[in-house]
Amino acid sequence: MNNAKLFVIDYTLHGDPKSFVIRAEKMDASEAWHWASCDAGVGRIGRFGREHVKKTSQPLAEKFGIHAVSWRPA
């Protein structure tokens, strides 16, 4: 059974507010930072869900202008 839920992730990219909805089984701060970096074009998404990809960390995302990442259930 799929336990995925919808989450809204808000962040700023070079001062511009951005927001998107994602379906995930769990969400926490590190996941939110990784998905915000993917939305901004910085992070990498694994292929087919089986490939293990190193998550983008908050300090690395901040180097590329991503700030104020927050998430909430949709």
N, C-alpha and C. Protein backbone atom coordinates (compact mmCIF):
# COMPACT_ATOMS: atom_id res chain seq x y z
N MET A 1 0.85 -1.18 0.00
CA MET A 1 0.00 0.00 0.00
C MET A 1 0.89 1.25 0.00
N ASN A 2 0.52 2.23 -0.77
CA ASN A 2 1.28 3.46 -0.87
C ASN A 2 0.85 4.42 0.23
N ASN A 3 1.79 4.83 1.07
CA ASN A 3 1.50 5.74 2.17
C ASN A 3 1.93 7.17 1.86
N ALA A 4 2.10 7.51 0.59
CA ALA A 4 2.57 8.84 0.22
C ALA A 4 1.51 9.89 0.52
N LYS A 5 2.00 11.04 0.93
CA LYS A 5 1.13 12.18 1.24
C LYS A 5 1.60 13.38 0.43
N LEU A 6 0.79 14.41 0.36
CA LEU A 6 1.15 15.63 -0.35
C LEU A 6 1.71 16.66 0.63
N PHE A 7 2.79 17.30 0.22
CA PHE A 7 3.42 18.35 1.02
C PHE A 7 3.66 19.57 0.15
N VAL A 8 3.58 20.74 0.74
CA VAL A 8 3.91 22.00 0.06
C VAL A 8 5.26 22.45 0.60
N ILE A 9 6.19 22.74 -0.30
CA ILE A 9 7.51 23.24 0.09
C ILE A 9 7.64 24.66 -0.42
N ASP A 10 7.93 25.58 0.49
CA ASP A 10 8.15 26.99 0.17
C ASP A 10 9.62 27.31 0.39
N TYR A 11 10.19 28.13 -0.49
CA TYR A 11 11.58 28.57 -0.33
C TYR A 11 11.80 29.84 -1.13
N THR A 12 12.94 30.44 -0.95
CA THR A 12 13.31 31.60 -1.76
C THR A 12 14.55 31.25 -2.56
N LEU A 13 14.57 31.68 -3.81
CA LEU A 13 15.71 31.47 -4.70
C LEU A 13 16.17 32.84 -5.16
N HIS A 14 17.32 33.26 -4.66
CA HIS A 14 17.87 34.59 -4.95
C HIS A 14 16.86 35.69 -4.62
N GLY A 15 16.12 35.50 -3.52
CA GLY A 15 15.17 36.49 -3.07
C GLY A 15 13.76 36.36 -3.62
N ASP A 16 13.57 35.52 -4.63
CA ASP A 16 12.24 35.32 -5.23
C ASP A 16 11.54 34.15 -4.53
N PRO A 17 10.31 34.36 -4.04
CA PRO A 17 9.60 33.26 -3.39
C PRO A 17 9.16 32.19 -4.40
N LYS A 18 9.33 30.95 -4.02
CA LYS A 18 8.95 29.81 -4.85
C LYS A 18 8.16 28.83 -3.99
N SER A 19 7.33 28.04 -4.62
CA SER A 19 6.52 27.06 -3.91
C SER A 19 6.14 25.94 -4.86
N PHE A 20 6.06 24.72 -4.35
CA PHE A 20 5.62 23.60 -5.15
C PHE A 20 5.04 22.51 -4.25
N VAL A 21 4.31 21.59 -4.86
CA VAL A 21 3.69 20.48 -4.14
C VAL A 21 4.41 19.21 -4.54
N ILE A 22 4.66 18.35 -3.57
CA ILE A 22 5.35 17.08 -3.84
C ILE A 22 4.65 15.96 -3.08
N ARG A 23 4.64 14.79 -3.68
CA ARG A 23 4.09 13.60 -3.03
C ARG A 23 5.28 12.81 -2.48
N ALA A 24 5.25 12.53 -1.18
CA ALA A 24 6.33 11.78 -0.53
C ALA A 24 5.77 10.99 0.64
N GLU A 25 6.46 9.92 1.00
CA GLU A 25 6.02 9.11 2.13
C GLU A 25 6.30 9.81 3.45
N LYS A 26 7.43 10.56 3.50
CA LYS A 26 7.77 11.29 4.72
C LYS A 26 8.41 12.61 4.33
N MET A 27 8.36 13.55 5.24
CA MET A 27 9.00 14.84 4.98
C MET A 27 9.60 15.34 6.28
N ASP A 28 10.81 15.85 6.19
CA ASP A 28 11.47 16.51 7.31
C ASP A 28 12.31 17.64 6.73
N ALA A 29 13.05 18.32 7.57
CA ALA A 29 13.81 19.49 7.11
C ALA A 29 14.84 19.12 6.04
N SER A 30 15.57 18.03 6.24
CA SER A 30 16.60 17.67 5.26
C SER A 30 15.99 17.27 3.92
N GLU A 31 14.85 16.57 3.95
CA GLU A 31 14.15 16.22 2.71
C GLU A 31 13.66 17.48 2.00
N ALA A 32 13.12 18.42 2.77
CA ALA A 32 12.60 19.66 2.18
C ALA A 32 13.73 20.45 1.51
N TRP A 33 14.89 20.54 2.15
CA TRP A 33 16.03 21.25 1.55
C TRP A 33 16.47 20.56 0.26
N HIS A 34 16.50 19.24 0.26
CA HIS A 34 16.90 18.50 -0.94
C HIS A 34 15.90 18.74 -2.08
N TRP A 35 14.60 18.62 -1.80
CA TRP A 35 13.61 18.78 -2.87
C TRP A 35 13.54 20.23 -3.35
N ALA A 36 13.77 21.20 -2.46
CA ALA A 36 13.81 22.60 -2.90
C ALA A 36 14.99 22.81 -3.85
N SER A 37 16.12 22.19 -3.55
CA SER A 37 17.28 22.32 -4.44
C SER A 37 17.02 21.64 -5.78
N CYS A 38 16.29 20.53 -5.77
CA CYS A 38 15.92 19.87 -7.03
C CYS A 38 15.00 20.76 -7.86
N ASP A 39 14.03 21.39 -7.21
CA ASP A 39 13.12 22.29 -7.90
C ASP A 39 13.86 23.49 -8.49
N ALA A 40 14.90 23.93 -7.80
CA ALA A 40 15.68 25.08 -8.26
C ALA A 40 16.70 24.70 -9.34
N GLY A 41 16.86 23.40 -9.60
CA GLY A 41 17.80 22.96 -10.63
C GLY A 41 19.19 22.67 -10.11
N VAL A 42 19.36 22.60 -8.81
CA VAL A 42 20.67 22.37 -8.21
C VAL A 42 20.84 20.90 -7.84
N GLY A 43 19.82 20.32 -7.21
CA GLY A 43 19.90 18.94 -6.74
C GLY A 43 19.64 17.95 -7.85
N ARG A 44 19.90 16.69 -7.54
CA ARG A 44 19.75 15.62 -8.52
C ARG A 44 18.68 14.65 -8.04
N ILE A 45 17.85 14.20 -8.95
CA ILE A 45 16.81 13.22 -8.66
C ILE A 45 17.25 11.89 -9.25
N GLY A 46 17.20 10.84 -8.44
CA GLY A 46 17.60 9.51 -8.91
C GLY A 46 16.64 8.97 -9.95
N ARG A 47 17.12 8.11 -10.79
CA ARG A 47 16.29 7.52 -11.84
C ARG A 47 15.55 6.31 -11.30
N PHE A 48 14.30 6.21 -11.64
CA PHE A 48 13.45 5.05 -11.35
C PHE A 48 13.25 4.80 -9.86
N GLY A 49 13.65 5.70 -8.99
CA GLY A 49 13.44 5.54 -7.56
C GLY A 49 14.35 4.52 -6.90
N ARG A 50 15.17 3.80 -7.67
CA ARG A 50 16.05 2.79 -7.09
C ARG A 50 17.47 3.30 -6.94
N GLU A 51 17.84 4.28 -7.71
CA GLU A 51 19.19 4.81 -7.68
C GLU A 51 19.39 5.64 -6.42
N HIS A 52 20.43 5.33 -5.67
CA HIS A 52 20.73 6.09 -4.45
C HIS A 52 21.49 7.35 -4.83
N VAL A 53 20.92 8.50 -4.52
CA VAL A 53 21.53 9.79 -4.84
C VAL A 53 21.80 10.52 -3.53
N LYS A 54 22.98 11.11 -3.42
CA LYS A 54 23.30 11.88 -2.22
C LYS A 54 22.41 13.11 -2.17
N LYS A 55 21.77 13.31 -1.04
CA LYS A 55 20.85 14.44 -0.87
C LYS A 55 21.64 15.75 -0.78
N THR A 56 21.06 16.80 -1.32
CA THR A 56 21.66 18.12 -1.25
C THR A 56 21.45 18.67 0.16
N SER A 57 22.52 19.11 0.79
CA SER A 57 22.46 19.60 2.16
C SER A 57 22.08 21.09 2.19
N GLN A 58 21.70 21.55 3.36
CA GLN A 58 21.33 22.96 3.52
C GLN A 58 22.50 23.89 3.19
N PRO A 59 23.72 23.64 3.71
CA PRO A 59 24.82 24.56 3.37
C PRO A 59 25.12 24.62 1.87
N LEU A 60 25.03 23.49 1.18
CA LEU A 60 25.28 23.49 -0.26
C LEU A 60 24.18 24.24 -1.00
N ALA A 61 22.93 24.02 -0.59
CA ALA A 61 21.81 24.73 -1.23
C ALA A 61 21.93 26.23 -1.01
N GLU A 62 22.35 26.63 0.17
CA GLU A 62 22.50 28.07 0.45
C GLU A 62 23.58 28.70 -0.41
N LYS A 63 24.59 27.95 -0.79
CA LYS A 63 25.63 28.47 -1.68
C LYS A 63 25.06 28.84 -3.05
N PHE A 64 23.99 28.16 -3.44
CA PHE A 64 23.36 28.41 -4.74
C PHE A 64 22.18 29.37 -4.65
N GLY A 65 21.99 30.02 -3.51
CA GLY A 65 20.97 31.06 -3.38
C GLY A 65 19.62 30.59 -2.87
N ILE A 66 19.56 29.38 -2.34
CA ILE A 66 18.30 28.86 -1.80
C ILE A 66 18.25 29.14 -0.31
N HIS A 67 17.17 29.77 0.16
CA HIS A 67 17.05 30.12 1.58
C HIS A 67 15.61 29.93 2.04
N ALA A 68 15.44 29.98 3.33
CA ALA A 68 14.10 29.99 3.98
C ALA A 68 13.22 28.83 3.51
N VAL A 69 13.75 27.63 3.55
CA VAL A 69 12.96 26.47 3.14
C VAL A 69 12.04 26.05 4.29
N SER A 70 10.77 25.88 3.96
CA SER A 70 9.80 25.39 4.95
C SER A 70 8.84 24.45 4.23
N TRP A 71 8.20 23.58 5.00
CA TRP A 71 7.26 22.63 4.41
C TRP A 71 6.06 22.47 5.33
N ARG A 72 4.96 22.02 4.72
CA ARG A 72 3.73 21.78 5.47
C ARG A 72 2.89 20.77 4.71
N PRO A 73 2.01 20.06 5.38
CA PRO A 73 1.12 19.15 4.67
C PRO A 73 0.18 19.94 3.74
N ALA A 74 -0.12 19.37 2.60
CA ALA A 74 -1.01 20.06 1.65
C ALA A 74 -2.46 19.86 2.03
